[in-house]
Amino acid sequence: MITRGDIIMLGLGAGVTGGITGGLILGIGLGLVVSGANIGWLLLIVGSPVSGLAGLIMARKLAKKL
């Protein structure tokens, strides 16, 4: 049975993992854009969905326990 603690840990884990991953990708992309490399725009566009992917994977693992 999934408890309230499992849901809280899922939220904390997804937030931290997503924040670190998304922030790193967005930071690298912004650095490339500032230096004049157009590939940085691709990283800026992809940064947000990639950070949400971590939460999705963690939620699916939790849902398998049902």
PDB file of N, CA and C in Angstrom:
ATOM      1  N   MET A   1       0.837  -1.179   0.000  1.00  0.00           N
ATOM      2  CA  MET A   1       0.000   0.000   0.000  1.00  0.00           C
ATOM      3  C   MET A   1       0.883   1.242   0.000  1.00  0.00           C
ATOM      4  N   ILE A   2       0.515   2.192  -0.803  1.00  0.00           N
ATOM      5  CA  ILE A   2       1.266   3.438  -0.882  1.00  0.00           C
ATOM      6  C   ILE A   2       0.809   4.357   0.245  1.00  0.00           C
ATOM      7  N   THR A   3       1.779   4.876   0.960  1.00  0.00           N
ATOM      8  CA  THR A   3       1.475   5.756   2.079  1.00  0.00           C
ATOM      9  C   THR A   3       1.715   7.214   1.697  1.00  0.00           C
ATOM     10  N   ARG A   4       1.325   8.089   2.580  1.00  0.00           N
ATOM     11  CA  ARG A   4       1.531   9.514   2.360  1.00  0.00           C
ATOM     12  C   ARG A   4       3.023   9.836   2.289  1.00  0.00           C
ATOM     13  N   GLY A   5       3.813   9.117   3.058  1.00  0.00           N
ATOM     14  CA  GLY A   5       5.263   9.329   3.037  1.00  0.00           C
ATOM     15  C   GLY A   5       5.875   8.993   1.684  1.00  0.00           C
ATOM     16  N   ASP A   6       5.343   7.951   1.022  1.00  0.00           N
ATOM     17  CA  ASP A   6       5.841   7.612  -0.312  1.00  0.00           C
ATOM     18  C   ASP A   6       5.571   8.734  -1.310  1.00  0.00           C
ATOM     19  N   ILE A   7       4.398   9.324  -1.214  1.00  0.00           N
ATOM     20  CA  ILE A   7       4.043  10.405  -2.134  1.00  0.00           C
ATOM     21  C   ILE A   7       4.892  11.645  -1.859  1.00  0.00           C
ATOM     22  N   ILE A   8       5.149  11.930  -0.600  1.00  0.00           N
ATOM     23  CA  ILE A   8       5.990  13.079  -0.245  1.00  0.00           C
ATOM     24  C   ILE A   8       7.416  12.866  -0.743  1.00  0.00           C
ATOM     25  N   MET A   9       7.936  11.665  -0.560  1.00  0.00           N
ATOM     26  CA  MET A   9       9.296  11.379  -1.027  1.00  0.00           C
ATOM     27  C   MET A   9       9.378  11.425  -2.548  1.00  0.00           C
ATOM     28  N   LEU A  10       8.318  10.981  -3.225  1.00  0.00           N
ATOM     29  CA  LEU A  10       8.287  11.068  -4.679  1.00  0.00           C
ATOM     30  C   LEU A  10       8.343  12.528  -5.118  1.00  0.00           C
ATOM     31  N   GLY A  11       7.563  13.384  -4.486  1.00  0.00           N
ATOM     32  CA  GLY A  11       7.568  14.796  -4.834  1.00  0.00           C
ATOM     33  C   GLY A  11       8.906  15.460  -4.579  1.00  0.00           C
ATOM     34  N   LEU A  12       9.499  15.154  -3.437  1.00  0.00           N
ATOM     35  CA  LEU A  12      10.810  15.735  -3.132  1.00  0.00           C
ATOM     36  C   LEU A  12      11.887  15.228  -4.092  1.00  0.00           C
ATOM     37  N   GLY A  13      11.875  13.942  -4.332  1.00  0.00           N
ATOM     38  CA  GLY A  13      12.873  13.366  -5.244  1.00  0.00           C
ATOM     39  C   GLY A  13      12.730  13.888  -6.657  1.00  0.00           C
ATOM     40  N   ALA A  14      11.486  13.970  -7.133  1.00  0.00           N
ATOM     41  CA  ALA A  14      11.262  14.473  -8.489  1.00  0.00           C
ATOM     42  C   ALA A  14      11.639  15.944  -8.595  1.00  0.00           C
ATOM     43  N   GLY A  15      11.341  16.721  -7.569  1.00  0.00           N
ATOM     44  CA  GLY A  15      11.679  18.143  -7.597  1.00  0.00           C
ATOM     45  C   GLY A  15      13.176  18.388  -7.608  1.00  0.00           C
ATOM     46  N   VAL A  16      13.877  17.678  -6.766  1.00  0.00           N
ATOM     47  CA  VAL A  16      15.333  17.855  -6.690  1.00  0.00           C
ATOM     48  C   VAL A  16      16.005  17.357  -7.960  1.00  0.00           C
ATOM     49  N   THR A  17      15.637  16.164  -8.401  1.00  0.00           N
ATOM     50  CA  THR A  17      16.254  15.599  -9.603  1.00  0.00           C
ATOM     51  C   THR A  17      15.926  16.447 -10.831  1.00  0.00           C
ATOM     52  N   GLY A  18      14.671  16.845 -10.951  1.00  0.00           N
ATOM     53  CA  GLY A  18      14.276  17.675 -12.086  1.00  0.00           C
ATOM     54  C   GLY A  18      14.934  19.037 -12.065  1.00  0.00           C
ATOM     55  N   GLY A  19      15.041  19.621 -10.888  1.00  0.00           N
ATOM     56  CA  GLY A  19      15.676  20.933 -10.781  1.00  0.00           C
ATOM     57  C   GLY A  19      17.147  20.909 -11.144  1.00  0.00           C
ATOM     58  N   ILE A  20      17.833  19.902 -10.676  1.00  0.00           N
ATOM     59  CA  ILE A  20      19.264  19.790 -10.991  1.00  0.00           C
ATOM     60  C   ILE A  20      19.470  19.512 -12.471  1.00  0.00           C
ATOM     61  N   THR A  21      18.724  18.551 -13.006  1.00  0.00           N
ATOM     62  CA  THR A  21      18.884  18.180 -14.415  1.00  0.00           C
ATOM     63  C   THR A  21      18.479  19.324 -15.338  1.00  0.00           C
ATOM     64  N   GLY A  22      17.303  19.877 -15.101  1.00  0.00           N
ATOM     65  CA  GLY A  22      16.835  20.973 -15.944  1.00  0.00           C
ATOM     66  C   GLY A  22      17.707  22.203 -15.837  1.00  0.00           C
ATOM     67  N   GLY A  23      18.137  22.522 -14.637  1.00  0.00           N
ATOM     68  CA  GLY A  23      19.009  23.682 -14.449  1.00  0.00           C
ATOM     69  C   GLY A  23      20.345  23.530 -15.143  1.00  0.00           C
ATOM     70  N   LEU A  24      20.877  22.317 -15.098  1.00  0.00           N
ATOM     71  CA  LEU A  24      22.152  22.063 -15.771  1.00  0.00           C
ATOM     72  C   LEU A  24      22.009  22.200 -17.284  1.00  0.00           C
ATOM     73  N   ILE A  25      20.955  21.623 -17.836  1.00  0.00           N
ATOM     74  CA  ILE A  25      20.744  21.708 -19.281  1.00  0.00           C
ATOM     75  C   ILE A  25      20.482  23.153 -19.707  1.00  0.00           C
ATOM     76  N   LEU A  26      19.644  23.859 -18.946  1.00  0.00           N
ATOM     77  CA  LEU A  26      19.363  25.253 -19.290  1.00  0.00           C
ATOM     78  C   LEU A  26      20.607  26.134 -19.151  1.00  0.00           C
ATOM     79  N   GLY A  27      21.419  25.871 -18.142  1.00  0.00           N
ATOM     80  CA  GLY A  27      22.647  26.644 -17.963  1.00  0.00           C
ATOM     81  C   GLY A  27      23.635  26.431 -19.096  1.00  0.00           C
ATOM     82  N   ILE A  28      23.809  25.199 -19.510  1.00  0.00           N
ATOM     83  CA  ILE A  28      24.716  24.909 -20.628  1.00  0.00           C
ATOM     84  C   ILE A  28      24.176  25.537 -21.912  1.00  0.00           C
ATOM     85  N   GLY A  29      22.863  25.402 -22.134  1.00  0.00           N
ATOM     86  CA  GLY A  29      22.263  25.987 -23.333  1.00  0.00           C
ATOM     87  C   GLY A  29      22.399  27.497 -23.374  1.00  0.00           C
ATOM     88  N   LEU A  30      22.172  28.151 -22.237  1.00  0.00           N
ATOM     89  CA  LEU A  30      22.297  29.600 -22.190  1.00  0.00           C
ATOM     90  C   LEU A  30      23.742  30.031 -22.417  1.00  0.00           C
ATOM     91  N   GLY A  31      24.673  29.276 -21.874  1.00  0.00           N
ATOM     92  CA  GLY A  31      26.085  29.588 -22.108  1.00  0.00           C
ATOM     93  C   GLY A  31      26.458  29.475 -23.577  1.00  0.00           C
ATOM     94  N   LEU A  32      25.907  28.463 -24.251  1.00  0.00           N
ATOM     95  CA  LEU A  32      26.181  28.316 -25.680  1.00  0.00           C
ATOM     96  C   LEU A  32      25.544  29.433 -26.499  1.00  0.00           C
ATOM     97  N   VAL A  33      24.336  29.841 -26.131  1.00  0.00           N
ATOM     98  CA  VAL A  33      23.667  30.924 -26.853  1.00  0.00           C
ATOM     99  C   VAL A  33      24.440  32.231 -26.702  1.00  0.00           C
ATOM    100  N   VAL A  34      24.903  32.499 -25.502  1.00  0.00           N
ATOM    101  CA  VAL A  34      25.657  33.735 -25.258  1.00  0.00           C
ATOM    102  C   VAL A  34      26.972  33.737 -26.034  1.00  0.00           C
ATOM    103  N   SER A  35      27.585  32.567 -26.167  1.00  0.00           N
ATOM    104  CA  SER A  35      28.853  32.497 -26.898  1.00  0.00           C
ATOM    105  C   SER A  35      28.654  32.478 -28.415  1.00  0.00           C
ATOM    106  N   GLY A  36      27.411  32.375 -28.861  1.00  0.00           N
ATOM    107  CA  GLY A  36      27.143  32.470 -30.300  1.00  0.00           C
ATOM    108  C   GLY A  36      26.846  31.157 -30.980  1.00  0.00           C
ATOM    109  N   ALA A  37      26.783  30.066 -30.254  1.00  0.00           N
ATOM    110  CA  ALA A  37      26.486  28.765 -30.859  1.00  0.00           C
ATOM    111  C   ALA A  37      24.972  28.574 -30.900  1.00  0.00           C
ATOM    112  N   ASN A  38      24.455  28.298 -32.078  1.00  0.00           N
ATOM    113  CA  ASN A  38      23.012  28.158 -32.244  1.00  0.00           C
ATOM    114  C   ASN A  38      22.471  26.860 -31.648  1.00  0.00           C
ATOM    115  N   ILE A  39      23.308  25.881 -31.405  1.00  0.00           N
ATOM    116  CA  ILE A  39      22.855  24.620 -30.817  1.00  0.00           C
ATOM    117  C   ILE A  39      22.341  24.841 -29.393  1.00  0.00           C
ATOM    118  N   GLY A  40      22.727  25.933 -28.767  1.00  0.00           N
ATOM    119  CA  GLY A  40      22.266  26.249 -27.424  1.00  0.00           C
ATOM    120  C   GLY A  40      20.761  26.447 -27.362  1.00  0.00           C
ATOM    121  N   TRP A  41      20.152  26.927 -28.435  1.00  0.00           N
ATOM    122  CA  TRP A  41      18.696  27.102 -28.466  1.00  0.00           C
ATOM    123  C   TRP A  41      17.990  25.767 -28.345  1.00  0.00           C
ATOM    124  N   LEU A  42      18.568  24.732 -28.933  1.00  0.00           N
ATOM    125  CA  LEU A  42      17.978  23.403 -28.826  1.00  0.00           C
ATOM    126  C   LEU A  42      17.977  22.928 -27.376  1.00  0.00           C
ATOM    127  N   LEU A  43      19.067  23.161 -26.673  1.00  0.00           N
ATOM    128  CA  LEU A  43      19.128  22.777 -25.267  1.00  0.00           C
ATOM    129  C   LEU A  43      18.153  23.586 -24.421  1.00  0.00           C
ATOM    130  N   LEU A  44      17.963  24.850 -24.754  1.00  0.00           N
ATOM    131  CA  LEU A  44      17.007  25.672 -24.005  1.00  0.00           C
ATOM    132  C   LEU A  44      15.582  25.164 -24.195  1.00  0.00           C
ATOM    133  N   ILE A  45      15.265  24.741 -25.394  1.00  0.00           N
ATOM    134  CA  ILE A  45      13.912  24.246 -25.675  1.00  0.00           C
ATOM    135  C   ILE A  45      13.672  22.895 -25.013  1.00  0.00           C
ATOM    136  N   VAL A  46      14.679  22.041 -24.989  1.00  0.00           N
ATOM    137  CA  VAL A  46      14.537  20.680 -24.478  1.00  0.00           C
ATOM    138  C   VAL A  46      14.694  20.612 -22.958  1.00  0.00           C
ATOM    139  N   GLY A  47      15.225  21.625 -22.329  1.00  0.00           N
ATOM    140  CA  GLY A  47      15.544  21.581 -20.897  1.00  0.00           C
ATOM    141  C   GLY A  47      14.360  21.314 -19.991  1.00  0.00           C
ATOM    142  N   SER A  48      13.242  21.966 -20.225  1.00  0.00           N
ATOM    143  CA  SER A  48      12.079  21.790 -19.346  1.00  0.00           C
ATOM    144  C   SER A  48      11.446  20.405 -19.451  1.00  0.00           C
ATOM    145  N   PRO A  49      11.188  19.886 -20.641  1.00  0.00           N
ATOM    146  CA  PRO A  49      10.611  18.535 -20.696  1.00  0.00           C
ATOM    147  C   PRO A  49      11.525  17.455 -20.119  1.00  0.00           C
ATOM    148  N   VAL A  50      12.819  17.627 -20.265  1.00  0.00           N
ATOM    149  CA  VAL A  50      13.748  16.638 -19.712  1.00  0.00           C
ATOM    150  C   VAL A  50      13.694  16.651 -18.192  1.00  0.00           C
ATOM    151  N   SER A  51      13.542  17.823 -17.604  1.00  0.00           N
ATOM    152  CA  SER A  51      13.475  17.891 -16.145  1.00  0.00           C
ATOM    153  C   SER A  51      12.189  17.254 -15.621  1.00  0.00           C
ATOM    154  N   GLY A  52      11.103  17.340 -16.361  1.00  0.00           N
ATOM    155  CA  GLY A  52       9.859  16.701 -15.961  1.00  0.00           C
ATOM    156  C   GLY A  52       9.870  15.202 -16.162  1.00  0.00           C
ATOM    157  N   LEU A  53      10.759  14.714 -17.026  1.00  0.00           N
ATOM    158  CA  LEU A  53      10.849  13.285 -17.303  1.00  0.00           C
ATOM    159  C   LEU A  53      11.272  12.503 -16.062  1.00  0.00           C
ATOM    160  N   ALA A  54      12.094  13.091 -15.229  1.00  0.00           N
ATOM    161  CA  ALA A  54      12.529  12.419 -14.002  1.00  0.00           C
ATOM    162  C   ALA A  54      11.344  12.141 -13.084  1.00  0.00           C
ATOM    163  N   GLY A  55      10.462  13.115 -12.941  1.00  0.00           N
ATOM    164  CA  GLY A  55       9.266  12.924 -12.123  1.00  0.00           C
ATOM    165  C   GLY A  55       8.341  11.874 -12.699  1.00  0.00           C
ATOM    166  N   LEU A  56       8.221  11.834 -14.012  1.00  0.00           N
ATOM    167  CA  LEU A  56       7.378  10.842 -14.666  1.00  0.00           C
ATOM    168  C   LEU A  56       7.895   9.430 -14.425  1.00  0.00           C
ATOM    169  N   ILE A  57       9.187   9.243 -14.540  1.00  0.00           N
ATOM    170  CA  ILE A  57       9.776   7.921 -14.313  1.00  0.00           C
ATOM    171  C   ILE A  57       9.584   7.486 -12.863  1.00  0.00           C
ATOM    172  N   MET A  58       9.784   8.406 -11.928  1.00  0.00           N
ATOM    173  CA  MET A  58       9.617   8.069 -10.520  1.00  0.00           C
ATOM    174  C   MET A  58       8.153   7.766 -10.199  1.00  0.00           C
ATOM    175  N   ALA A  59       7.218   8.481 -10.818  1.00  0.00           N
ATOM    176  CA  ALA A  59       5.797   8.234 -10.578  1.00  0.00           C
ATOM    177  C   ALA A  59       5.371   6.890 -11.148  1.00  0.00           C
ATOM    178  N   ARG A  60       5.920   6.487 -12.265  1.00  0.00           N
ATOM    179  CA  ARG A  60       5.583   5.178 -12.824  1.00  0.00           C
ATOM    180  C   ARG A  60       6.076   4.049 -11.936  1.00  0.00           C
ATOM    181  N   LYS A  61       7.242   4.227 -11.360  1.00  0.00           N
ATOM    182  CA  LYS A  61       7.744   3.195 -10.430  1.00  0.00           C
ATOM    183  C   LYS A  61       6.849   3.070  -9.221  1.00  0.00           C
ATOM    184  N   LEU A  62       6.360   4.200  -8.721  1.00  0.00           N
ATOM    185  CA  LEU A  62       5.457   4.184  -7.586  1.00  0.00           C
ATOM    186  C   LEU A  62       4.105   3.567  -7.962  1.00  0.00           C
ATOM    187  N   ALA A  63       3.639   3.842  -9.177  1.00  0.00           N
ATOM    188  CA  ALA A  63       2.350   3.310  -9.616  1.00  0.00           C
ATOM    189  C   ALA A  63       2.400   1.798  -9.809  1.00  0.00           C
ATOM    190  N   LYS A  64       3.559   1.257 -10.110  1.00  0.00           N
ATOM    191  CA  LYS A  64       3.684  -0.199 -10.275  1.00  0.00           C
ATOM    192  C   LYS A  64       3.452  -0.940  -8.960  1.00  0.00           C
ATOM    193  N   LYS A  65       3.625  -0.234  -7.851  1.00  0.00           N
ATOM    194  CA  LYS A  65       3.427  -0.860  -6.534  1.00  0.00           C
ATOM    195  C   LYS A  65       1.963  -1.061  -6.208  1.00  0.00           C
ATOM    196  N   LEU A  66       1.063  -0.429  -6.963  1.00  0.00           N
ATOM    197  CA  LEU A  66      -0.371  -0.551  -6.688  1.00  0.00           C
ATOM    198  C   LEU A  66      -0.892  -1.921  -7.022  1.00  0.00           C
TER     199      LEU A  66
END
